[in-house]
């Protein structure tokens, strides 16, 4: 991966989430995976990337440890201990930012931006916020117009991850640019020809929105073997949904502890393909494991039931040369080239009919599509352009001074959950 730096070397401070560690081999961790990929792209570009994160993280750039360990999951009760840990994380982020060498602060959690605008601290350093979640689920909803004020301090610039999401946040996207997520395509194994007669694959959090029940119906009505991978979070609705589809699953097996080696296909995948069970749930799997399951699949099913802002599953599957069958929801039409890298369909019957056409998709075309539009190189370059634009805009508004001002001036103790840090 080669990225040419066209501007002066920038120093970017990423304020990471601490639900899970920032590292390459995560099972379910979409935001953490994106932070890792941006950091890696910036590091390779010759710019300075600093990630303020938990100690169990592993980043490509510089790691600035704020707390010893991440929470380990997304869903949990808001306990006093959790609030204290989050307070500590943000307080130490501020300490790092005060060193005066940061050009741009890149945030990834809408709640943290809310604390900024509650008057917790002010900073002359511009802040970029990647909009990872839908507007209806975001802490930004209802306050965006105040934040879009060009005179607001600190200045915050919001970046959507798809054109679909950009429309949801109408009035908030003050740079007017979308930056799609990217993966390092060279890290993904590539198939040479369609995997005729192989299994269908679906991966994601087990929940109604992801549509695993629809994937099961596609498999049953086409006589295909289906492999289901993903975690079941400790949410009542998710657990209820999983209980509802259990009777349709023929085999439950946890393969998470099987490390990926040269014989992974023969020892792990092949026995499950040879068994007489049709619908198989394999639990949550790691990044390296899912590459193998993408690679050997005939197609990846993406029967989502909601408007997803961006599906990493789509580009990961296509990077392996595996086509995607997806419902026409959210950002899907922006990511999947219908008829070339898979099929974007309107209904369950259309998805079932598309199974017969999977083998017409060229694996090389799938991989090239990701390389051209959704690579780490492309993502990093687009973020670098926006960083530079932000820095230039900020310098034009700054008064001339003889000395460098402190980056942060804390106006009062950091407040989270109504308590002082």
Protein backbone atom coordinates (compact mmCIF):
# COMPACT_ATOMS: atom_id res chain seq x y z
CA UNK A 1 0.00 0.00 0.00
CA UNK A 2 1.53 3.31 -1.13
CA UNK A 3 0.02 6.69 -0.32
CA UNK A 4 1.66 9.86 -1.59
CA UNK A 5 1.60 12.76 0.85
CA UNK A 6 0.96 16.00 -1.04
CA UNK A 7 0.74 18.37 1.92
CA UNK A 8 2.88 19.13 4.92
CA UNK A 9 3.10 16.41 7.52
CA UNK A 10 0.08 16.57 9.79
CA UNK A 11 -0.35 15.27 13.33
CA UNK A 12 -3.78 13.75 13.95
CA UNK A 13 -5.05 12.71 17.38
CA UNK A 14 -7.75 10.02 17.23
CA UNK A 15 -10.04 9.89 20.24
CA UNK A 16 -10.86 6.19 20.15
CA UNK A 17 -13.88 4.46 21.57
CA UNK A 18 -13.16 2.25 24.58
CA UNK A 19 -15.98 -0.27 24.19
CA UNK A 20 -13.50 -2.60 22.52
CA UNK A 21 -9.74 -2.38 21.86
CA UNK A 22 -8.39 -0.87 18.65
CA UNK A 23 -6.59 -3.75 16.95
CA UNK A 24 -6.58 -5.68 13.68
CA UNK A 25 -7.96 -9.06 14.72
CA UNK A 26 -11.38 -8.22 16.15
CA UNK A 27 -14.51 -10.27 15.75
CA UNK A 28 -17.33 -7.74 15.97
CA UNK A 29 -16.02 -4.18 16.25
CA UNK A 30 -17.01 -2.02 13.26
CA UNK A 31 -16.03 1.39 14.64
CA UNK A 32 -12.81 0.05 16.15
CA UNK A 33 -11.91 -1.59 12.83
CA UNK A 34 -12.41 1.69 10.99
CA UNK A 35 -10.25 3.60 13.49
CA UNK A 36 -7.52 0.98 13.07
CA UNK A 37 -7.69 1.25 9.27
CA UNK A 38 -7.59 5.07 9.24
CA UNK A 39 -4.64 5.05 11.63
CA UNK A 40 -2.80 2.53 9.46
CA UNK A 41 -3.49 4.50 6.30
CA UNK A 42 -2.23 7.75 7.82
CA UNK A 43 0.86 6.07 9.22
CA UNK A 44 1.75 4.59 5.83
CA UNK A 45 1.17 7.96 4.20
CA UNK A 46 4.00 9.54 6.18
CA UNK A 47 1.74 11.59 8.45
CA UNK A 48 1.73 11.30 12.22
CA UNK A 49 -1.21 9.40 13.67
CA UNK A 50 -1.73 9.19 17.42
CA UNK A 51 -4.52 7.01 18.84
CA UNK A 52 -5.73 7.76 22.37
CA UNK A 53 -7.09 4.37 23.38
CA UNK A 54 -7.09 1.51 25.89
CA UNK A 55 -3.93 -0.38 26.81
CA UNK A 56 -5.18 -3.64 25.26
CA UNK A 57 -5.16 -1.97 21.83
CA UNK A 58 -2.58 -2.46 19.10
CA UNK A 59 -2.27 0.36 16.57
CA UNK A 60 -0.07 1.08 13.55
CA UNK A 61 0.82 4.64 14.56
CA UNK A 62 1.54 5.99 18.03
CA UNK A 63 -0.48 4.60 20.92
CA UNK A 64 -1.37 6.94 23.77
CA UNK A 65 -2.84 4.80 26.56
CA UNK A 66 -5.68 6.41 28.50
CA UNK A 67 -7.12 3.42 30.39
CA UNK A 68 -5.70 -0.03 31.07
CA UNK A 69 -8.39 -2.07 29.33
CA UNK A 70 -11.43 -1.53 27.14
CA UNK A 71 -14.90 -2.49 28.37
CA UNK A 72 -14.86 -5.53 26.06
CA UNK A 73 -18.36 -5.12 24.66
CA UNK A 74 -20.81 -2.51 23.36
CA UNK A 75 -23.79 -3.25 25.54
CA UNK A 76 -23.80 -2.90 29.33
CA UNK A 77 -25.46 -0.98 32.10
CA UNK A 78 -24.26 2.55 32.83
CA UNK A 79 -22.55 1.79 36.10
CA UNK A 80 -20.56 4.23 38.22
CA UNK A 81 -17.40 2.32 37.36
CA UNK A 82 -18.06 2.68 33.65
CA UNK A 83 -18.64 6.43 33.99
CA UNK A 84 -15.41 6.79 35.96
CA UNK A 85 -13.46 4.90 33.30
CA UNK A 86 -14.92 7.05 30.53
CA UNK A 87 -14.09 10.19 32.53
CA UNK A 88 -10.51 9.00 32.91
CA UNK A 89 -10.25 8.27 29.18
CA UNK A 90 -11.39 11.76 28.18
CA UNK A 91 -9.35 13.50 30.85
CA UNK A 92 -6.18 11.86 29.61
CA UNK A 93 -7.11 12.68 26.01
CA UNK A 94 -7.20 16.33 27.04
CA UNK A 95 -3.82 15.97 28.71
CA UNK A 96 -2.31 14.62 25.50
CA UNK A 97 -3.89 17.36 23.43
CA UNK A 98 -2.39 20.06 25.70
CA UNK A 99 1.09 19.19 24.46
CA UNK A 100 0.49 21.61 21.59
CA UNK A 101 1.58 19.44 18.64
CA UNK A 102 -1.86 18.40 17.33
CA UNK A 103 -3.18 19.76 14.02
CA UNK A 104 -6.55 17.98 14.00
CA UNK A 105 -8.49 15.98 16.58
CA UNK A 106 -10.47 13.14 14.98
CA UNK A 107 -13.37 11.89 17.09
CA UNK A 108 -15.51 8.81 16.55
CA UNK A 109 -18.11 8.95 19.34
CA UNK A 110 -20.97 11.44 19.18
CA UNK A 111 -21.35 11.43 22.97
CA UNK A 112 -17.86 12.86 23.37
CA UNK A 113 -18.68 15.76 21.06
CA UNK A 114 -21.76 16.46 23.18
CA UNK A 115 -19.49 16.93 26.20
CA UNK A 116 -17.46 19.49 24.26
CA UNK A 117 -20.51 21.59 23.54
CA UNK A 118 -21.73 21.33 27.10
CA UNK A 119 -18.81 23.61 27.96
CA UNK A 120 -16.54 20.98 29.43
CA UNK A 121 -13.54 22.39 27.60
CA UNK A 122 -12.67 24.68 24.74
CA UNK A 123 -9.87 24.33 22.25
CA UNK A 124 -8.48 26.26 19.30
CA UNK A 125 -7.67 22.94 17.60
CA UNK A 126 -10.30 21.97 14.99
CA UNK A 127 -12.18 18.72 15.51
CA UNK A 128 -13.39 16.24 12.90
CA UNK A 129 -16.19 13.86 13.76
CA UNK A 130 -16.89 10.76 11.65
CA UNK A 131 -20.61 9.99 11.72
CA UNK A 132 -20.57 6.25 12.34
CA UNK A 133 -24.20 5.78 13.38
CA UNK A 134 -27.62 6.69 11.96
CA UNK A 135 -29.00 10.11 12.89
CA UNK A 136 -31.85 8.58 14.89
CA UNK A 137 -29.36 6.73 17.12
CA UNK A 138 -26.96 9.63 17.51
CA UNK A 139 -26.44 11.98 20.42
CA UNK A 140 -26.05 14.70 17.76
CA UNK A 141 -29.74 14.73 16.87
CA UNK A 142 -31.51 17.99 17.72
CA UNK A 143 -28.38 20.05 18.36
CA UNK A 144 -26.65 19.96 15.00
CA UNK A 145 -27.67 23.45 13.89
CA UNK A 146 -25.95 25.01 16.90
CA UNK A 147 -22.79 23.08 16.06
CA UNK A 148 -22.83 24.05 12.41
CA UNK A 149 -22.43 27.70 13.36
CA UNK A 150 -19.11 28.72 11.72
CA UNK A 151 -18.36 30.96 14.73
CA UNK A 152 -18.79 28.13 17.22
CA UNK A 153 -15.77 27.18 19.32
CA UNK A 154 -14.29 24.70 19.14
CA UNK A 155 -15.05 24.24 15.45
CA UNK A 156 -16.34 20.72 14.71
CA UNK A 157 -16.54 19.30 11.18
CA UNK A 158 -18.81 16.32 10.53
CA UNK A 159 -18.04 13.67 7.89
CA UNK A 160 -20.62 11.08 6.76
CA UNK A 161 -19.63 7.58 5.62
CA UNK A 162 -22.14 7.34 2.76
CA UNK A 163 -24.35 9.59 0.66
CA UNK A 164 -27.35 7.88 2.24
CA UNK A 165 -26.17 8.87 5.71
CA UNK A 166 -25.33 12.38 4.50
CA UNK A 167 -29.00 12.90 3.66
CA UNK A 168 -29.99 11.77 7.15
CA UNK A 169 -27.74 14.40 8.71
CA UNK A 170 -28.96 17.20 6.45
CA UNK A 171 -27.67 20.52 7.79
CA UNK A 172 -24.87 18.99 9.84
CA UNK A 173 -22.33 17.96 7.18
CA UNK A 174 -20.46 21.26 7.02
CA UNK A 175 -17.63 20.06 4.76
CA UNK A 176 -20.00 18.64 2.17
CA UNK A 177 -17.81 15.56 1.62
CA UNK A 178 -18.41 11.85 2.16
CA UNK A 179 -15.58 9.45 3.03
CA UNK A 180 -16.30 5.78 2.48
CA UNK A 181 -14.70 3.18 4.73
CA UNK A 182 -11.75 1.26 3.32
CA UNK A 183 -9.92 -2.02 3.82
CA UNK A 184 -6.40 -3.07 2.92
CA UNK A 185 -7.28 -5.27 -0.03
CA UNK A 186 -3.86 -6.96 -0.09
CA UNK A 187 -4.63 -8.43 3.34
CA UNK A 188 -7.55 -10.40 1.93
CA UNK A 189 -7.07 -13.73 0.13
CA UNK A 190 -8.53 -13.78 -3.38
CA UNK A 191 -10.39 -16.55 -5.17
CA UNK A 192 -9.56 -17.22 -8.82
CA UNK A 193 -12.97 -18.51 -9.93
CA UNK A 194 -16.55 -18.68 -8.62
CA UNK A 195 -17.06 -21.18 -5.78
CA UNK A 196 -19.77 -23.16 -7.55
CA UNK A 197 -21.77 -25.49 -5.33
CA UNK A 198 -20.32 -24.05 -2.11
CA UNK A 199 -22.16 -22.52 0.85
CA UNK A 200 -23.88 -19.18 1.37
CA UNK A 201 -22.42 -17.06 4.16
CA UNK A 202 -23.86 -14.34 6.38
CA UNK A 203 -22.02 -12.50 9.14
CA UNK A 204 -22.98 -9.76 11.55
CA UNK A 205 -24.51 -9.09 14.93
CA UNK A 206 -27.40 -11.49 15.43
CA UNK A 207 -30.38 -9.15 15.39
CA UNK A 208 -33.61 -8.46 13.53
CA UNK A 209 -32.01 -5.57 11.62
CA UNK A 210 -29.37 -7.87 10.08
CA UNK A 211 -32.00 -10.31 8.82
CA UNK A 212 -30.50 -13.70 9.64
CA UNK A 213 -34.05 -15.11 9.52
CA UNK A 214 -34.27 -13.98 5.88
CA UNK A 215 -30.90 -15.60 5.10
CA UNK A 216 -32.18 -18.87 6.54
CA UNK A 217 -35.27 -18.70 4.33
CA UNK A 218 -33.11 -18.06 1.25
CA UNK A 219 -30.99 -21.11 2.06
CA UNK A 220 -33.95 -23.38 2.69
CA UNK A 221 -35.82 -22.36 -0.45
CA UNK A 222 -32.72 -22.77 -2.66
CA UNK A 223 -31.43 -25.94 -1.00
CA UNK A 224 -28.16 -24.19 -0.11
CA UNK A 225 -25.97 -24.76 2.90
CA UNK A 226 -25.81 -21.60 5.06
CA UNK A 227 -23.08 -20.62 7.49
CA UNK A 228 -24.12 -17.96 10.03
CA UNK A 229 -21.44 -16.07 12.00
CA UNK A 230 -21.83 -13.28 14.53
CA UNK A 231 -22.23 -12.33 18.15
CA UNK A 232 -25.40 -12.14 20.22
CA UNK A 233 -25.21 -9.00 22.32
CA UNK A 234 -26.75 -8.72 25.76
CA UNK A 235 -29.77 -6.80 24.47
CA UNK A 236 -33.26 -8.15 25.24
CA UNK A 237 -34.44 -7.70 21.64
CA UNK A 238 -31.36 -9.45 20.20
CA UNK A 239 -31.62 -12.36 22.61
CA UNK A 240 -35.32 -12.73 21.83
CA UNK A 241 -34.59 -12.72 18.09
CA UNK A 242 -31.88 -15.38 18.49
CA UNK A 243 -34.27 -17.58 20.47
CA UNK A 244 -36.76 -17.18 17.66
CA UNK A 245 -34.43 -18.50 14.95
CA UNK A 246 -32.82 -21.30 16.97
CA UNK A 247 -35.33 -23.89 15.81
CA UNK A 248 -34.30 -23.21 12.20
CA UNK A 249 -30.60 -23.84 12.89
CA UNK A 250 -29.42 -27.45 12.50
CA UNK A 251 -26.00 -27.19 14.17
CA UNK A 252 -24.48 -24.87 16.77
CA UNK A 253 -20.69 -24.96 16.98
CA UNK A 254 -18.21 -22.47 18.40
CA UNK A 255 -15.14 -22.31 16.16
CA UNK A 256 -13.74 -19.10 17.68
CA UNK A 257 -10.73 -20.82 19.26
CA UNK A 258 -9.52 -22.40 16.01
CA UNK A 259 -6.55 -20.36 14.85
CA UNK A 260 -6.07 -19.77 11.13
CA UNK A 261 -3.21 -21.86 9.75
CA UNK A 262 -2.45 -23.33 6.34
CA UNK A 263 -4.73 -26.28 7.07
CA UNK A 264 -7.70 -24.18 8.29
CA UNK A 265 -9.91 -25.12 5.35
CA UNK A 266 -9.25 -28.85 5.69
CA UNK A 267 -9.55 -28.95 9.49
CA UNK A 268 -12.32 -26.43 10.17
CA UNK A 269 -14.30 -25.51 7.06
CA UNK A 270 -14.35 -28.77 5.09
CA UNK A 271 -15.77 -30.97 7.90
CA UNK A 272 -18.72 -28.61 8.30
CA UNK A 273 -19.35 -28.60 4.55
CA UNK A 274 -19.25 -32.40 4.42
CA UNK A 275 -21.67 -32.90 7.33
CA UNK A 276 -25.40 -33.40 6.68
CA UNK A 277 -26.45 -30.22 8.53
CA UNK A 278 -27.79 -27.41 6.32
CA UNK A 279 -28.04 -24.32 8.57
CA UNK A 280 -24.95 -23.96 10.79
CA UNK A 281 -24.21 -21.26 13.36
CA UNK A 282 -20.48 -20.91 14.12
CA UNK A 283 -20.58 -18.05 16.67
CA UNK A 284 -18.41 -14.93 16.67
CA UNK A 285 -15.23 -15.27 14.62
CA UNK A 286 -12.03 -13.25 14.29
CA UNK A 287 -10.92 -11.10 11.37
CA UNK A 288 -8.56 -13.80 10.06
CA UNK A 289 -11.21 -16.49 10.37
CA UNK A 290 -13.87 -14.54 8.52
CA UNK A 291 -11.49 -13.95 5.61
CA UNK A 292 -11.40 -17.71 5.10
CA UNK A 293 -15.18 -18.03 5.32
CA UNK A 294 -15.63 -15.20 2.81
CA UNK A 295 -13.06 -16.75 0.48
CA UNK A 296 -14.67 -20.18 0.20
CA UNK A 297 -18.28 -19.00 0.12
CA UNK A 298 -20.36 -18.98 -3.02
CA UNK A 299 -21.85 -15.64 -1.97
CA UNK A 300 -22.36 -13.47 1.10
CA UNK A 301 -25.96 -12.68 2.02
CA UNK A 302 -26.74 -9.20 3.35
CA UNK A 303 -30.53 -9.23 3.94
CA UNK A 304 -30.62 -6.13 6.14
CA UNK A 305 -33.94 -4.79 7.41
CA UNK A 306 -32.87 -1.20 8.01
CA UNK A 307 -30.99 1.69 6.41
CA UNK A 308 -27.42 0.84 7.35
CA UNK A 309 -25.01 3.80 6.90
CA UNK A 310 -22.21 1.56 5.62
CA UNK A 311 -21.68 -2.21 5.62
CA UNK A 312 -18.06 -3.28 6.10
CA UNK A 313 -19.22 -6.85 5.39
CA UNK A 314 -19.90 -5.84 1.79
CA UNK A 315 -16.40 -4.63 0.98
CA UNK A 316 -14.70 -7.38 2.98
CA UNK A 317 -16.57 -10.05 1.03
CA UNK A 318 -15.92 -8.41 -2.35
CA UNK A 319 -12.23 -7.97 -1.47
CA UNK A 320 -12.03 -11.78 -1.38
CA UNK A 321 -13.74 -11.97 -4.77
CA UNK A 322 -16.99 -13.21 -3.23
CA UNK A 323 -20.16 -11.57 -4.60
CA UNK A 324 -22.89 -10.15 -2.39
CA UNK A 325 -26.65 -10.60 -2.45
CA UNK A 326 -28.13 -7.63 -0.58
CA UNK A 327 -31.41 -5.86 -0.06
CA UNK A 328 -31.69 -2.36 -1.49
CA UNK A 329 -31.51 -0.59 1.87
CA UNK A 330 -29.36 2.24 3.21
CA UNK A 331 -25.99 2.63 1.51
CA UNK A 332 -26.05 -0.78 -0.24
CA UNK A 333 -26.59 0.64 -3.78
CA UNK A 334 -23.53 2.89 -3.29
CA UNK A 335 -21.28 -0.03 -2.37
CA UNK A 336 -22.39 -3.04 -4.43
CA UNK A 337 -22.27 -2.71 -8.22
CA UNK A 338 -25.50 -4.47 -9.19
CA UNK A 339 -24.87 -7.23 -11.71
CA UNK A 340 -21.08 -6.81 -11.51
CA UNK A 341 -20.07 -7.48 -7.88
CA UNK A 342 -23.34 -9.02 -6.75
CA UNK A 343 -27.05 -8.31 -6.87
CA UNK A 344 -28.99 -5.55 -5.14
CA UNK A 345 -32.58 -6.74 -4.77
CA UNK A 346 -35.92 -5.40 -3.59
CA UNK A 347 -37.47 -8.50 -2.06
CA UNK A 348 -36.84 -11.92 -0.57
CA UNK A 349 -38.12 -13.60 -3.74
CA UNK A 350 -35.67 -11.54 -5.80
CA UNK A 351 -32.80 -12.63 -3.54
CA UNK A 352 -33.81 -16.26 -3.89
CA UNK A 353 -33.91 -15.93 -7.68
CA UNK A 354 -30.50 -14.20 -7.67
CA UNK A 355 -28.85 -17.27 -6.10
CA UNK A 356 -29.01 -18.97 -9.52
CA UNK A 357 -27.04 -16.09 -11.07
CA UNK A 358 -24.22 -15.91 -8.53
CA UNK A 359 -21.77 -17.89 -10.63
CA UNK A 360 -21.96 -15.28 -13.41
CA UNK A 361 -20.12 -12.76 -11.21
CA UNK A 362 -16.37 -12.43 -11.88
CA UNK A 363 -14.34 -12.65 -8.63
CA UNK A 364 -11.63 -10.41 -10.11
CA UNK A 365 -14.24 -7.74 -10.80
CA UNK A 366 -15.36 -7.84 -7.16
CA UNK A 367 -11.83 -7.36 -5.86
CA UNK A 368 -11.00 -4.62 -8.37
CA UNK A 369 -14.15 -2.76 -7.36
CA UNK A 370 -12.98 -2.62 -3.74
CA UNK A 371 -9.42 -1.73 -4.74
CA UNK A 372 -10.65 1.20 -6.83
CA UNK A 373 -13.28 2.61 -4.46
CA UNK A 374 -12.94 1.22 -0.94
CA UNK A 375 -9.23 0.75 -0.19
CA UNK A 376 -7.33 2.10 2.81
CA UNK A 377 -5.38 4.22 0.34
CA UNK A 378 -8.51 5.90 -0.97
CA UNK A 379 -9.93 6.44 2.52
CA UNK A 380 -6.70 7.87 3.94
CA UNK A 381 -6.22 10.24 1.02
CA UNK A 382 -9.75 11.59 1.35
CA UNK A 383 -9.35 12.16 5.07
CA UNK A 384 -6.01 13.86 4.49
CA UNK A 385 -7.63 16.26 2.02
CA UNK A 386 -10.26 17.15 4.61
CA UNK A 387 -7.70 17.49 7.42
CA UNK A 388 -5.71 19.91 5.28
CA UNK A 389 -8.84 21.86 4.36
CA UNK A 390 -9.78 22.14 8.04
CA UNK A 391 -6.29 23.21 9.07
CA UNK A 392 -6.13 25.83 6.31
CA UNK A 393 -9.56 27.21 7.19
CA UNK A 394 -8.61 27.37 10.84
CA UNK A 395 -5.35 29.21 10.19
CA UNK A 396 -7.17 31.85 8.14
CA UNK A 397 -9.42 32.60 11.12
CA UNK A 398 -6.70 32.58 13.77
CA UNK A 399 -5.23 35.93 14.90
CA UNK A 400 -1.49 36.35 14.57
CA UNK A 401 0.28 35.67 17.87
CA UNK A 402 3.86 35.59 18.93
CA UNK A 403 3.68 32.37 20.89
CA UNK A 404 1.82 29.11 20.54
CA UNK A 405 -1.33 29.06 22.64
CA UNK A 406 -2.13 26.06 24.84
CA UNK A 407 -4.31 23.62 22.98
CA UNK A 408 -6.91 23.23 25.73
CA UNK A 409 -8.19 25.57 28.37
CA UNK A 410 -10.32 23.57 30.76
CA UNK A 411 -13.29 25.65 31.84
CA UNK A 412 -14.49 23.29 34.57
CA UNK A 413 -14.00 19.67 35.71
CA UNK A 414 -14.80 17.11 33.05
CA UNK A 415 -18.40 15.99 33.49
CA UNK A 416 -19.85 12.67 32.43
CA UNK A 417 -23.04 11.22 33.80
CA UNK A 418 -23.57 14.31 35.92
CA UNK A 419 -20.46 13.77 38.07
CA UNK A 420 -17.13 15.52 38.11
CA UNK A 421 -14.15 13.51 36.91
